[in-house]
Amino acid sequence: MELSVESEVDKYGDEVPRAFFLGAQRIAVVEVLDRWFGRDHRYFKVRAEDRNIYILRNDLPADRWELTFFKAEGGSLSDEGSSEGH
């Protein structure tokens, strides 16, 4: 699922998500739990203000953000169908 993401540069010089939009709903990121980098993608595991966990993927060549994983607070897992492993 493609997303619109608000980001900022952190103390390491990396662009990190601070909020994202699911449809018209703006969801603030309250904590970056983990991050990892591939050759042309960056992944961020975040906790959002709704207390859910999301993995956001930044496709660098396409300059595009995608939601690749969602876990409801205290609940179920949902893989958004990414063709690549996490």
PDB file of N, CA and C in Angstrom:
ATOM      1  N   MET A   1       0.838  -1.162   0.000  1.00  0.00           N
ATOM      2  CA  MET A   1       0.000   0.000   0.000  1.00  0.00           C
ATOM      3  C   MET A   1       0.892   1.238   0.000  1.00  0.00           C
ATOM      4  N   GLU A   2       0.754   2.087  -0.996  1.00  0.00           N
ATOM      5  CA  GLU A   2       1.551   3.306  -1.083  1.00  0.00           C
ATOM      6  C   GLU A   2       1.032   4.347  -0.102  1.00  0.00           C
ATOM      7  N   LEU A   3       1.963   5.092   0.497  1.00  0.00           N
ATOM      8  CA  LEU A   3       1.637   6.064   1.529  1.00  0.00           C
ATOM      9  C   LEU A   3       2.205   7.433   1.216  1.00  0.00           C
ATOM     10  N   SER A   4       1.591   8.415   1.806  1.00  0.00           N
ATOM     11  CA  SER A   4       2.170   9.744   1.879  1.00  0.00           C
ATOM     12  C   SER A   4       2.798   9.854   3.261  1.00  0.00           C
ATOM     13  N   VAL A   5       4.070  10.241   3.319  1.00  0.00           N
ATOM     14  CA  VAL A   5       4.808  10.252   4.580  1.00  0.00           C
ATOM     15  C   VAL A   5       5.424  11.628   4.818  1.00  0.00           C
ATOM     16  N   GLU A   6       5.282  12.118   6.046  1.00  0.00           N
ATOM     17  CA  GLU A   6       6.006  13.302   6.489  1.00  0.00           C
ATOM     18  C   GLU A   6       7.265  12.803   7.176  1.00  0.00           C
ATOM     19  N   SER A   7       8.407  13.348   6.802  1.00  0.00           N
ATOM     20  CA  SER A   7       9.653  12.872   7.388  1.00  0.00           C
ATOM     21  C   SER A   7      10.534  14.045   7.781  1.00  0.00           C
ATOM     22  N   GLU A   8      11.585  13.723   8.536  1.00  0.00           N
ATOM     23  CA  GLU A   8      12.584  14.711   8.902  1.00  0.00           C
ATOM     24  C   GLU A   8      13.930  14.016   8.964  1.00  0.00           C
ATOM     25  N   VAL A   9      14.981  14.801   8.966  1.00  0.00           N
ATOM     26  CA  VAL A   9      16.328  14.251   9.043  1.00  0.00           C
ATOM     27  C   VAL A   9      16.707  14.117  10.512  1.00  0.00           C
ATOM     28  N   ASP A  10      17.160  12.909  10.884  1.00  0.00           N
ATOM     29  CA  ASP A  10      17.530  12.674  12.282  1.00  0.00           C
ATOM     30  C   ASP A  10      18.981  13.087  12.532  1.00  0.00           C
ATOM     31  N   LYS A  11      19.454  12.846  13.745  1.00  0.00           N
ATOM     32  CA  LYS A  11      20.812  13.263  14.124  1.00  0.00           C
ATOM     33  C   LYS A  11      21.907  12.531  13.350  1.00  0.00           C
ATOM     34  N   TYR A  12      21.546  11.433  12.670  1.00  0.00           N
ATOM     35  CA  TYR A  12      22.515  10.680  11.878  1.00  0.00           C
ATOM     36  C   TYR A  12      22.503  11.101  10.404  1.00  0.00           C
ATOM     37  N   GLY A  13      21.621  12.035  10.069  1.00  0.00           N
ATOM     38  CA  GLY A  13      21.522  12.492   8.686  1.00  0.00           C
ATOM     39  C   GLY A  13      20.599  11.644   7.827  1.00  0.00           C
ATOM     40  N   ASP A  14      19.837  10.740   8.457  1.00  0.00           N
ATOM     41  CA  ASP A  14      18.916   9.869   7.727  1.00  0.00           C
ATOM     42  C   ASP A  14      17.509  10.460   7.757  1.00  0.00           C
ATOM     43  N   GLU A  15      16.784  10.303   6.666  1.00  0.00           N
ATOM     44  CA  GLU A  15      15.384  10.702   6.619  1.00  0.00           C
ATOM     45  C   GLU A  15      14.566   9.647   7.354  1.00  0.00           C
ATOM     46  N   VAL A  16      13.772  10.070   8.338  1.00  0.00           N
ATOM     47  CA  VAL A  16      12.949   9.147   9.115  1.00  0.00           C
ATOM     48  C   VAL A  16      11.503   9.626   9.119  1.00  0.00           C
ATOM     49  N   PRO A  17      10.554   8.687   9.119  1.00  0.00           N
ATOM     50  CA  PRO A  17       9.137   9.080   9.121  1.00  0.00           C
ATOM     51  C   PRO A  17       8.727   9.673  10.460  1.00  0.00           C
ATOM     52  N   ARG A  18       7.935  10.745  10.412  1.00  0.00           N
ATOM     53  CA  ARG A  18       7.377  11.368  11.616  1.00  0.00           C
ATOM     54  C   ARG A  18       5.857  11.275  11.643  1.00  0.00           C
ATOM     55  N   ALA A  19       5.250  11.072  10.472  1.00  0.00           N
ATOM     56  CA  ALA A  19       3.804  10.870  10.359  1.00  0.00           C
ATOM     57  C   ALA A  19       3.535  10.308   8.979  1.00  0.00           C
ATOM     58  N   PHE A  20       2.382   9.637   8.835  1.00  0.00           N
ATOM     59  CA  PHE A  20       1.989   9.129   7.520  1.00  0.00           C
ATOM     60  C   PHE A  20       0.481   9.179   7.415  1.00  0.00           C
ATOM     61  N   PHE A  21       0.007   9.088   6.197  1.00  0.00           N
ATOM     62  CA  PHE A  21      -1.424   9.174   5.924  1.00  0.00           C
ATOM     63  C   PHE A  21      -1.943   7.841   5.413  1.00  0.00           C
ATOM     64  N   LEU A  22      -2.991   7.336   6.034  1.00  0.00           N
ATOM     65  CA  LEU A  22      -3.758   6.205   5.525  1.00  0.00           C
ATOM     66  C   LEU A  22      -5.062   6.813   5.034  1.00  0.00           C
ATOM     67  N   GLY A  23      -5.182   6.958   3.732  1.00  0.00           N
ATOM     68  CA  GLY A  23      -6.300   7.716   3.188  1.00  0.00           C
ATOM     69  C   GLY A  23      -6.152   9.154   3.643  1.00  0.00           C
ATOM     70  N   ALA A  24      -7.194   9.710   4.246  1.00  0.00           N
ATOM     71  CA  ALA A  24      -7.155  11.087   4.733  1.00  0.00           C
ATOM     72  C   ALA A  24      -6.702  11.174   6.189  1.00  0.00           C
ATOM     73  N   GLN A  25      -6.525  10.029   6.842  1.00  0.00           N
ATOM     74  CA  GLN A  25      -6.168  10.017   8.264  1.00  0.00           C
ATOM     75  C   GLN A  25      -4.667  10.180   8.451  1.00  0.00           C
ATOM     76  N   ARG A  26      -4.264  11.212   9.196  1.00  0.00           N
ATOM     77  CA  ARG A  26      -2.859  11.428   9.531  1.00  0.00           C
ATOM     78  C   ARG A  26      -2.550  10.669  10.817  1.00  0.00           C
ATOM     79  N   ILE A  27      -1.489   9.863  10.780  1.00  0.00           N
ATOM     80  CA  ILE A  27      -1.079   9.074  11.940  1.00  0.00           C
ATOM     81  C   ILE A  27       0.346   9.476  12.299  1.00  0.00           C
ATOM     82  N   ALA A  28       0.533  10.009  13.490  1.00  0.00           N
ATOM     83  CA  ALA A  28       1.852  10.445  13.938  1.00  0.00           C
ATOM     84  C   ALA A  28       2.676   9.252  14.415  1.00  0.00           C
ATOM     85  N   VAL A  29       3.957   9.271  14.113  1.00  0.00           N
ATOM     86  CA  VAL A  29       4.904   8.277  14.611  1.00  0.00           C
ATOM     87  C   VAL A  29       5.401   8.775  15.962  1.00  0.00           C
ATOM     88  N   VAL A  30       5.277   7.943  16.989  1.00  0.00           N
ATOM     89  CA  VAL A  30       5.745   8.347  18.316  1.00  0.00           C
ATOM     90  C   VAL A  30       7.107   7.745  18.651  1.00  0.00           C
ATOM     91  N   GLU A  31       7.471   6.644  17.950  1.00  0.00           N
ATOM     92  CA  GLU A  31       8.760   6.011  18.231  1.00  0.00           C
ATOM     93  C   GLU A  31       9.205   5.167  17.041  1.00  0.00           C
ATOM     94  N   VAL A  32      10.468   5.317  16.655  1.00  0.00           N
ATOM     95  CA  VAL A  32      11.075   4.414  15.675  1.00  0.00           C
ATOM     96  C   VAL A  32      11.684   3.277  16.487  1.00  0.00           C
ATOM     97  N   LEU A  33      11.117   2.081  16.340  1.00  0.00           N
ATOM     98  CA  LEU A  33      11.542   0.923  17.125  1.00  0.00           C
ATOM     99  C   LEU A  33      12.771   0.239  16.543  1.00  0.00           C
ATOM    100  N   ASP A  34      12.868   0.260  15.213  1.00  0.00           N
ATOM    101  CA  ASP A  34      13.975  -0.405  14.528  1.00  0.00           C
ATOM    102  C   ASP A  34      14.069   0.181  13.136  1.00  0.00           C
ATOM    103  N   ARG A  35      15.212   0.027  12.522  1.00  0.00           N
ATOM    104  CA  ARG A  35      15.403   0.434  11.132  1.00  0.00           C
ATOM    105  C   ARG A  35      16.472  -0.447  10.513  1.00  0.00           C
ATOM    106  N   TRP A  36      16.322  -0.716   9.260  1.00  0.00           N
ATOM    107  CA  TRP A  36      17.334  -1.478   8.534  1.00  0.00           C
ATOM    108  C   TRP A  36      17.326  -1.030   7.095  1.00  0.00           C
ATOM    109  N   PHE A  37      18.464  -1.267   6.445  1.00  0.00           N
ATOM    110  CA  PHE A  37      18.695  -0.721   5.121  1.00  0.00           C
ATOM    111  C   PHE A  37      19.060  -1.829   4.147  1.00  0.00           C
ATOM    112  N   GLY A  38      18.486  -1.759   2.967  1.00  0.00           N
ATOM    113  CA  GLY A  38      18.859  -2.624   1.859  1.00  0.00           C
ATOM    114  C   GLY A  38      19.610  -1.792   0.832  1.00  0.00           C
ATOM    115  N   ARG A  39      19.904  -2.393  -0.293  1.00  0.00           N
ATOM    116  CA  ARG A  39      20.638  -1.682  -1.337  1.00  0.00           C
ATOM    117  C   ARG A  39      19.860  -0.478  -1.849  1.00  0.00           C
ATOM    118  N   ASP A  40      18.553  -0.635  -2.033  1.00  0.00           N
ATOM    119  CA  ASP A  40      17.764   0.476  -2.580  1.00  0.00           C
ATOM    120  C   ASP A  40      16.459   0.718  -1.820  1.00  0.00           C
ATOM    121  N   HIS A  41      16.358   0.155  -0.616  1.00  0.00           N
ATOM    122  CA  HIS A  41      15.184   0.367   0.234  1.00  0.00           C
ATOM    123  C   HIS A  41      15.641   0.625   1.671  1.00  0.00           C
ATOM    124  N   ARG A  42      14.833   1.359   2.399  1.00  0.00           N
ATOM    125  CA  ARG A  42      15.025   1.535   3.840  1.00  0.00           C
ATOM    126  C   ARG A  42      13.722   1.132   4.518  1.00  0.00           C
ATOM    127  N   TYR A  43      13.840   0.462   5.642  1.00  0.00           N
ATOM    128  CA  TYR A  43      12.678   0.002   6.395  1.00  0.00           C
ATOM    129  C   TYR A  43      12.692   0.632   7.778  1.00  0.00           C
ATOM    130  N   PHE A  44      11.498   0.994   8.266  1.00  0.00           N
ATOM    131  CA  PHE A  44      11.341   1.567   9.593  1.00  0.00           C
ATOM    132  C   PHE A  44      10.192   0.865  10.295  1.00  0.00           C
ATOM    133  N   LYS A  45      10.498   0.269  11.437  1.00  0.00           N
ATOM    134  CA  LYS A  45       9.460  -0.305  12.293  1.00  0.00           C
ATOM    135  C   LYS A  45       9.107   0.777  13.300  1.00  0.00           C
ATOM    136  N   VAL A  46       7.845   1.206  13.292  1.00  0.00           N
ATOM    137  CA  VAL A  46       7.449   2.341  14.116  1.00  0.00           C
ATOM    138  C   VAL A  46       6.235   2.014  14.976  1.00  0.00           C
ATOM    139  N   ARG A  47       6.149   2.701  16.109  1.00  0.00           N
ATOM    140  CA  ARG A  47       4.938   2.698  16.918  1.00  0.00           C
ATOM    141  C   ARG A  47       4.271   4.038  16.653  1.00  0.00           C
ATOM    142  N   ALA A  48       2.987   3.993  16.349  1.00  0.00           N
ATOM    143  CA  ALA A  48       2.253   5.208  16.010  1.00  0.00           C
ATOM    144  C   ALA A  48       1.396   5.660  17.186  1.00  0.00           C
ATOM    145  N   GLU A  49       0.837   6.848  17.044  1.00  0.00           N
ATOM    146  CA  GLU A  49       0.005   7.406  18.111  1.00  0.00           C
ATOM    147  C   GLU A  49      -1.220   6.546  18.418  1.00  0.00           C
ATOM    148  N   ASP A  50      -1.636   5.706  17.475  1.00  0.00           N
ATOM    149  CA  ASP A  50      -2.762   4.796  17.719  1.00  0.00           C
ATOM    150  C   ASP A  50      -2.319   3.526  18.452  1.00  0.00           C
ATOM    151  N   ARG A  51      -1.036   3.477  18.860  1.00  0.00           N
ATOM    152  CA  ARG A  51      -0.405   2.388  19.607  1.00  0.00           C
ATOM    153  C   ARG A  51      -0.197   1.127  18.776  1.00  0.00           C
ATOM    154  N   ASN A  52      -0.447   1.198  17.479  1.00  0.00           N
ATOM    155  CA  ASN A  52      -0.202   0.074  16.588  1.00  0.00           C
ATOM    156  C   ASN A  52       1.240   0.118  16.081  1.00  0.00           C
ATOM    157  N   ILE A  53       1.709  -1.026  15.578  1.00  0.00           N
ATOM    158  CA  ILE A  53       3.055  -1.154  15.028  1.00  0.00           C
ATOM    159  C   ILE A  53       2.942  -1.236  13.505  1.00  0.00           C
ATOM    160  N   TYR A  54       3.782  -0.488  12.816  1.00  0.00           N
ATOM    161  CA  TYR A  54       3.800  -0.469  11.355  1.00  0.00           C
ATOM    162  C   TYR A  54       5.232  -0.637  10.884  1.00  0.00           C
ATOM    163  N   ILE A  55       5.406  -1.284   9.727  1.00  0.00           N
ATOM    164  CA  ILE A  55       6.696  -1.259   9.048  1.00  0.00           C
ATOM    165  C   ILE A  55       6.487  -0.492   7.754  1.00  0.00           C
ATOM    166  N   LEU A  56       7.253   0.586   7.630  1.00  0.00           N
ATOM    167  CA  LEU A  56       7.193   1.457   6.456  1.00  0.00           C
ATOM    168  C   LEU A  56       8.456   1.246   5.638  1.00  0.00           C
ATOM    169  N   ARG A  57       8.283   1.095   4.332  1.00  0.00           N
ATOM    170  CA  ARG A  57       9.421   0.887   3.430  1.00  0.00           C
ATOM    171  C   ARG A  57       9.560   2.091   2.524  1.00  0.00           C
ATOM    172  N   ASN A  58      10.766   2.600   2.442  1.00  0.00           N
ATOM    173  CA  ASN A  58      11.077   3.711   1.548  1.00  0.00           C
ATOM    174  C   ASN A  58      11.840   3.148   0.351  1.00  0.00           C
ATOM    175  N   ASP A  59      11.202   3.168  -0.806  1.00  0.00           N
ATOM    176  CA  ASP A  59      11.813   2.730  -2.063  1.00  0.00           C
ATOM    177  C   ASP A  59      12.608   3.922  -2.593  1.00  0.00           C
ATOM    178  N   LEU A  60      13.927   3.878  -2.444  1.00  0.00           N
ATOM    179  CA  LEU A  60      14.763   5.016  -2.790  1.00  0.00           C
ATOM    180  C   LEU A  60      14.753   5.366  -4.275  1.00  0.00           C
ATOM    181  N   PRO A  61      14.935   4.394  -5.194  1.00  0.00           N
ATOM    182  CA  PRO A  61      14.936   4.766  -6.621  1.00  0.00           C
ATOM    183  C   PRO A  61      13.615   5.381  -7.084  1.00  0.00           C
ATOM    184  N   ALA A  62      12.508   4.892  -6.546  1.00  0.00           N
ATOM    185  CA  ALA A  62      11.193   5.394  -6.954  1.00  0.00           C
ATOM    186  C   ALA A  62      10.744   6.586  -6.103  1.00  0.00           C
ATOM    187  N   ASP A  63      11.502   6.900  -5.032  1.00  0.00           N
ATOM    188  CA  ASP A  63      11.140   7.959  -4.099  1.00  0.00           C
ATOM    189  C   ASP A  63       9.693   7.787  -3.637  1.00  0.00           C
ATOM    190  N   ARG A  64       9.413   6.588  -3.092  1.00  0.00           N
ATOM    191  CA  ARG A  64       8.053   6.207  -2.715  1.00  0.00           C
ATOM    192  C   ARG A  64       8.083   5.475  -1.376  1.00  0.00           C
ATOM    193  N   TRP A  65       7.075   5.716  -0.547  1.00  0.00           N
ATOM    194  CA  TRP A  65       6.903   5.022   0.723  1.00  0.00           C
ATOM    195  C   TRP A  65       5.760   4.028   0.601  1.00  0.00           C
ATOM    196  N   GLU A  66       5.921   2.865   1.291  1.00  0.00           N
ATOM    197  CA  GLU A  66       4.886   1.836   1.284  1.00  0.00           C
ATOM    198  C   GLU A  66       4.706   1.275   2.688  1.00  0.00           C
ATOM    199  N   LEU A  67       3.481   0.869   3.002  1.00  0.00           N
ATOM    200  CA  LEU A  67       3.189   0.139   4.224  1.00  0.00           C
ATOM    201  C   LEU A  67       3.363  -1.337   3.903  1.00  0.00           C
ATOM    202  N   THR A  68       4.278  -2.013   4.613  1.00  0.00           N
ATOM    203  CA  THR A  68       4.517  -3.430   4.329  1.00  0.00           C
ATOM    204  C   THR A  68       4.055  -4.352   5.446  1.00  0.00           C
ATOM    205  N   PHE A  69       3.733  -3.776   6.631  1.00  0.00           N
ATOM    206  CA  PHE A  69       3.346  -4.617   7.765  1.00  0.00           C
ATOM    207  C   PHE A  69       2.549  -3.771   8.748  1.00  0.00           C
ATOM    208  N   PHE A  70       1.588  -4.422   9.396  1.00  0.00           N
ATOM    209  CA  PHE A  70       0.764  -3.763  10.402  1.00  0.00           C
ATOM    210  C   PHE A  70       0.456  -4.758  11.514  1.00  0.00           C
ATOM    211  N   LYS A  71       0.573  -4.312  12.766  1.00  0.00           N
ATOM    212  CA  LYS A  71       0.163  -5.129  13.908  1.00  0.00           C
ATOM    213  C   LYS A  71      -0.670  -4.246  14.817  1.00  0.00           C
ATOM    214  N   ALA A  72      -1.912  -4.640  15.027  1.00  0.00           N
ATOM    215  CA  ALA A  72      -2.795  -3.897  15.919  1.00  0.00           C
ATOM    216  C   ALA A  72      -2.310  -4.048  17.350  1.00  0.00           C
ATOM    217  N   GLU A  73      -2.429  -3.009  18.129  1.00  0.00           N
ATOM    218  CA  GLU A  73      -2.025  -3.030  19.527  1.00  0.00           C
ATOM    219  C   GLU A  73      -2.745  -4.177  20.229  1.00  0.00           C
ATOM    220  N   GLY A  74      -1.935  -5.086  20.807  1.00  0.00           N
ATOM    221  CA  GLY A  74      -2.493  -6.209  21.527  1.00  0.00           C
ATOM    222  C   GLY A  74      -3.178  -7.243  20.648  1.00  0.00           C
ATOM    223  N   GLY A  75      -2.906  -7.220  19.345  1.00  0.00           N
ATOM    224  CA  GLY A  75      -3.697  -8.096  18.502  1.00  0.00           C
ATOM    225  C   GLY A  75      -2.972  -8.727  17.341  1.00  0.00           C
ATOM    226  N   SER A  76      -3.712  -8.817  16.255  1.00  0.00           N
ATOM    227  CA  SER A  76      -3.332  -9.637  15.119  1.00  0.00           C
ATOM    228  C   SER A  76      -2.280  -8.991  14.240  1.00  0.00           C
ATOM    229  N   LEU A  77      -1.681  -9.833  13.406  1.00  0.00           N
ATOM    230  CA  LEU A  77      -0.673  -9.411  12.456  1.00  0.00           C
ATOM    231  C   LEU A  77      -1.289  -9.298  11.071  1.00  0.00           C
ATOM    232  N   SER A  78      -0.766  -8.390  10.273  1.00  0.00           N
ATOM    233  CA  SER A  78      -1.216  -8.259   8.904  1.00  0.00           C
ATOM    234  C   SER A  78      -0.045  -7.894   8.026  1.00  0.00           C
ATOM    235  N   ASP A  79       0.251  -8.742   7.042  1.00  0.00           N
ATOM    236  CA  ASP A  79       1.260  -8.452   6.037  1.00  0.00           C
ATOM    237  C   ASP A  79       0.515  -7.832   4.872  1.00  0.00           C
ATOM    238  N   GLU A  80       0.927  -6.668   4.455  1.00  0.00           N
ATOM    239  CA  GLU A  80       0.228  -5.950   3.392  1.00  0.00           C
ATOM    240  C   GLU A  80       0.561  -6.479   2.002  1.00  0.00           C
ATOM    241  N   GLY A  81       1.229  -7.620   1.916  1.00  0.00           N
ATOM    242  CA  GLY A  81       1.451  -8.247   0.623  1.00  0.00           C
ATOM    243  C   GLY A  81       2.722  -7.825  -0.073  1.00  0.00           C
ATOM    244  N   SER A  82       3.703  -7.376   0.661  1.00  0.00           N
ATOM    245  CA  SER A  82       4.978  -7.023   0.050  1.00  0.00           C
ATOM    246  C   SER A  82       5.570  -8.264  -0.601  1.00  0.00           C
ATOM    247  N   SER A  83       6.169  -8.072  -1.760  1.00  0.00           N
ATOM    248  CA  SER A  83       6.765  -9.205  -2.467  1.00  0.00           C
ATOM    249  C   SER A  83       8.163  -9.502  -1.951  1.00  0.00           C
ATOM    250  N   GLU A  84       8.689  -8.645  -1.074  1.00  0.00           N
ATOM    251  CA  GLU A  84      10.013  -8.861  -0.536  1.00  0.00           C
ATOM    252  C   GLU A  84       9.911  -9.228   0.934  1.00  0.00           C
ATOM    253  N   GLY A  85      10.911  -9.940   1.444  1.00  0.00           N
ATOM    254  CA  GLY A  85      10.945 -10.285   2.855  1.00  0.00           C
ATOM    255  C   GLY A  85      11.241  -9.080   3.720  1.00  0.00           C
ATOM    256  N   HIS A  86      10.959  -9.170   4.999  1.00  0.00           N
ATOM    257  CA  HIS A  86      11.204  -8.072   5.931  1.00  0.00           C
ATOM    258  C   HIS A  86      12.482  -8.338   6.669  1.00  0.00           C
TER     259      HIS A  86
END
